[in-house]
């Protein structure tokens, strides 16, 4: 199985192209399992329905982060 960083890199552009997806990162579940974290600007039912539950065997966690603002 590919490492989580490679899986994230392979899917990141595709995920960021979905409406409202503002970030793709890495994290850990409460059980210590590696997860891919997808940040949304707000709850978007269509985007939520389109996001996978897992990518290449790694769970996907969705977080509502709000809009991402560029650094000044």
Protein backbone atom coordinates (compact mmCIF):
# COMPACT_ATOMS: atom_id res chain seq x y z
CA UNK A 1 0.00 0.00 0.00
CA UNK A 2 1.19 3.54 -0.79
CA UNK A 3 2.13 5.78 2.11
CA UNK A 4 -0.42 8.32 3.28
CA UNK A 5 1.66 11.25 1.99
CA UNK A 6 1.70 9.75 -1.50
CA UNK A 7 -2.05 9.08 -1.37
CA UNK A 8 -2.71 12.67 -0.24
CA UNK A 9 -0.55 14.03 -3.05
CA UNK A 10 -2.28 11.82 -5.63
CA UNK A 11 -5.81 12.99 -4.66
CA UNK A 12 -5.24 16.53 -3.38
CA UNK A 13 -5.93 18.44 -6.63
CA UNK A 14 -9.06 16.38 -7.32
CA UNK A 15 -10.38 17.03 -3.80
CA UNK A 16 -9.58 20.76 -3.91
CA UNK A 17 -11.54 21.03 -7.17
CA UNK A 18 -14.76 20.12 -5.33
CA UNK A 19 -16.96 23.08 -4.31
CA UNK A 20 -16.11 24.33 -0.83
CA UNK A 21 -13.01 22.19 -0.24
CA UNK A 22 -10.38 24.59 1.14
CA UNK A 23 -7.73 22.22 2.47
CA UNK A 24 -6.40 18.68 2.37
CA UNK A 25 -4.15 17.57 5.19
CA UNK A 26 -3.04 14.69 7.36
CA UNK A 27 -4.13 13.83 10.85
CA UNK A 28 -4.79 11.07 13.34
CA UNK A 29 -7.99 9.51 14.55
CA UNK A 30 -8.68 9.27 18.30
CA UNK A 31 -7.40 5.69 18.02
CA UNK A 32 -4.07 6.88 16.57
CA UNK A 33 -4.82 5.82 12.99
CA UNK A 34 -3.49 7.97 10.10
CA UNK A 35 -6.30 9.86 8.33
CA UNK A 36 -6.64 12.29 5.44
CA UNK A 37 -8.38 15.47 6.62
CA UNK A 38 -10.52 17.43 4.16
CA UNK A 39 -11.47 20.95 5.21
CA UNK A 40 -14.69 22.56 3.98
CA UNK A 41 -15.61 26.23 4.10
CA UNK A 42 -19.12 25.31 5.30
CA UNK A 43 -21.46 22.34 5.29
CA UNK A 44 -22.23 21.57 1.65
CA UNK A 45 -24.50 18.54 1.21
CA UNK A 46 -23.47 17.82 -2.40
CA UNK A 47 -19.76 18.04 -1.62
CA UNK A 48 -20.19 15.95 1.52
CA UNK A 49 -21.97 13.30 -0.54
CA UNK A 50 -19.20 13.36 -3.18
CA UNK A 51 -16.31 12.94 -0.73
CA UNK A 52 -15.03 9.40 -0.27
CA UNK A 53 -15.03 7.69 3.13
CA UNK A 54 -11.50 6.43 2.44
CA UNK A 55 -8.70 6.86 -0.10
CA UNK A 56 -6.44 3.90 -0.86
CA UNK A 57 -7.34 2.37 2.50
CA UNK A 58 -6.83 5.55 4.56
CA UNK A 59 -9.94 6.97 6.25
CA UNK A 60 -11.08 10.48 5.25
CA UNK A 61 -12.17 12.85 8.02
CA UNK A 62 -14.17 15.92 7.06
CA UNK A 63 -13.91 19.12 9.09
CA UNK A 64 -15.79 22.37 8.64
CA UNK A 65 -12.93 24.87 8.91
CA UNK A 66 -14.51 27.96 7.43
CA UNK A 67 -12.95 29.91 4.58
CA UNK A 68 -9.19 30.01 4.31
CA UNK A 69 -7.75 33.51 4.26
CA UNK A 70 -4.42 34.27 2.57
CA UNK A 71 -1.61 35.62 4.74
CA UNK A 72 -0.93 39.32 4.33
